[in-house]
Structures are given as structure tokens and as C-alpha cells.
Protein backbone atom coordinates (compact mmCIF):
# COMPACT_ATOMS: atom_id res chain seq x y z
CA UNK A 1 41.03 -39.53 -26.13
CA UNK A 2 40.51 -42.67 -27.68
CA UNK A 3 38.61 -42.83 -30.15
CA UNK A 4 39.51 -38.78 -31.91
CA UNK A 5 38.38 -37.69 -34.93
CA UNK A 6 40.87 -34.41 -36.38
CA UNK A 7 40.23 -32.05 -38.82
CA UNK A 8 43.55 -30.15 -39.95
CA UNK A 9 42.86 -27.12 -41.96
CA UNK A 10 44.78 -24.95 -44.47
CA UNK A 11 44.14 -22.98 -47.05
CA UNK A 12 43.37 -25.15 -50.05
CA UNK A 13 43.80 -27.90 -47.84
CA UNK A 14 47.32 -29.50 -49.93
CA UNK A 15 49.77 -29.26 -47.11
CA UNK A 16 47.52 -30.64 -44.13
CA UNK A 17 46.48 -33.31 -46.31
CA UNK A 18 50.05 -34.55 -46.42
CA UNK A 19 50.75 -33.68 -42.83
CA UNK A 20 47.10 -36.05 -42.27
CA UNK A 21 48.74 -39.14 -44.00
CA UNK A 22 52.46 -38.58 -41.66
CA UNK A 23 49.76 -38.49 -38.45
CA UNK A 24 47.57 -41.14 -39.58
CA UNK A 25 50.83 -43.44 -39.81
CA UNK A 26 52.37 -42.62 -37.01
CA UNK A 27 48.78 -43.16 -34.82
CA UNK A 28 48.62 -46.25 -36.54
CA UNK A 29 52.40 -47.74 -34.62
CA UNK A 30 50.98 -46.26 -31.86
CA UNK A 31 47.50 -48.00 -32.03
CA UNK A 32 45.17 -44.90 -31.46
CA UNK A 33 41.32 -45.00 -33.39
CA UNK A 34 41.96 -41.09 -35.11
CA UNK A 35 40.45 -40.56 -37.74
CA UNK A 36 42.48 -37.77 -39.75
CA UNK A 37 41.42 -34.99 -42.47
CA UNK A 38 42.56 -31.95 -43.94
CA UNK A 39 40.31 -29.73 -45.53
CA UNK A 40 40.70 -26.14 -46.83
CA UNK A 41 39.62 -23.39 -45.23
CA UNK A 42 36.45 -22.48 -46.86
CA UNK A 43 35.28 -26.08 -45.46
CA UNK A 44 35.24 -25.65 -41.87
CA UNK A 45 31.84 -24.62 -41.11
CA UNK A 46 31.15 -27.99 -43.03
CA UNK A 47 33.42 -30.47 -41.50
CA UNK A 48 33.77 -28.62 -37.92
CA UNK A 49 30.60 -30.91 -36.59
CA UNK A 50 32.06 -34.04 -37.11
CA UNK A 51 35.25 -33.48 -35.05
CA UNK A 52 36.78 -33.21 -32.14
CA UNK A 53 39.68 -30.70 -32.94
CA UNK A 54 40.58 -28.74 -35.18
CA UNK A 55 44.62 -27.64 -36.46
CA UNK A 56 45.00 -25.40 -37.31
CA UNK A 57 48.44 -24.72 -40.49
CA UNK A 58 50.20 -21.84 -38.84
CA UNK A 59 50.11 -19.64 -41.51
CA UNK A 60 46.33 -19.28 -40.21
CA UNK A 61 46.81 -18.96 -36.83
CA UNK A 62 44.72 -15.42 -36.67
CA UNK A 63 41.66 -17.80 -36.84
CA UNK A 64 42.64 -19.27 -33.74
CA UNK A 65 40.30 -16.48 -31.83
CA UNK A 66 37.20 -16.42 -33.64
CA UNK A 67 37.16 -20.59 -34.63
CA UNK A 68 38.19 -21.28 -30.00
CA UNK A 69 34.67 -18.73 -29.50
CA UNK A 70 32.69 -19.96 -32.79
CA UNK A 71 33.45 -23.85 -31.82
CA UNK A 72 33.53 -24.32 -27.87
CA UNK A 73 32.54 -27.47 -27.49
CA UNK A 74 35.83 -28.08 -29.45
CA UNK A 75 39.69 -27.82 -29.11
CA UNK A 76 40.80 -25.45 -31.29
CA UNK A 77 45.05 -24.90 -31.63
CA UNK A 78 47.32 -23.67 -33.93
CA UNK A 79 49.52 -26.42 -35.67
CA UNK A 80 53.72 -25.49 -34.25
CA UNK A 81 55.86 -24.75 -37.46
CA UNK A 82 58.37 -26.78 -36.10
CA UNK A 83 57.12 -30.07 -36.66
CA UNK A 84 54.62 -28.92 -40.17
CA UNK A 85 57.48 -27.76 -41.81
CA UNK A 86 58.61 -30.90 -41.80
CA UNK A 87 55.53 -32.96 -41.73
CA UNK A 88 56.10 -34.52 -38.34
CA UNK A 89 53.53 -36.65 -37.71
CA UNK A 90 55.26 -37.64 -34.24
CA UNK A 91 55.58 -34.38 -33.56
CA UNK A 92 51.68 -33.84 -34.14
CA UNK A 93 50.37 -36.14 -31.63
CA UNK A 94 52.38 -35.27 -29.06
CA UNK A 95 50.60 -30.97 -29.42
CA UNK A 96 47.59 -32.66 -30.12
CA UNK A 97 47.47 -35.13 -27.10
CA UNK A 98 48.53 -32.46 -24.91
CA UNK A 99 44.71 -30.41 -25.50
CA UNK A 100 43.32 -33.14 -24.20
């Protein structure tokens, strides 16, 4: 799974930007060659082709089925509230790793 490119999506891209920073820090600690970007919901189409995995903020869980169908060659999942709410990069890495 290394290297891996992950796109975090939320309404405006702000909360996932904080999550992305913490995932990057933890990925560096673990020696993972991951690229993590955060974008708004409106930017999914412009960024999805460049990634291996799309992670949605918990409040966008209603998009999961649609995006899973649209991006069949990508891993698509909803971030868990348990780590998203506290910006736990290590827990996010465990979740993302479990998808592959």
C-alpha cells in the first residue's frame, strides 16, 4: 500500500485540513510514503483521479454509496467520528490501512 495518495473530503475542506495535518505527521512517524490532501465536497471531481483513497468526513456519510459506485477503482470510506472529532491521525491511519 506504500506509496498511497489519500483525499479527505468535508463540506468546505477546513476540518479535513486539520485532519490531514495530523495524518501526515503520524505517517511520517511510521515511515509511510503517503500523500494526504484535504478538499471541499465541491472539489471531489477535480481531485479523485489523482488518488488511491477517498475519505469522507462523517457528516458526508450520505455520499458513500454514490461515490463508491462512481469511483469503482478507488477505496472510498467515511472517517469514523471517534477519531475525526479529536483529529487522531494514528487512528485514521489504522482505518485507512484496513481498507487495503
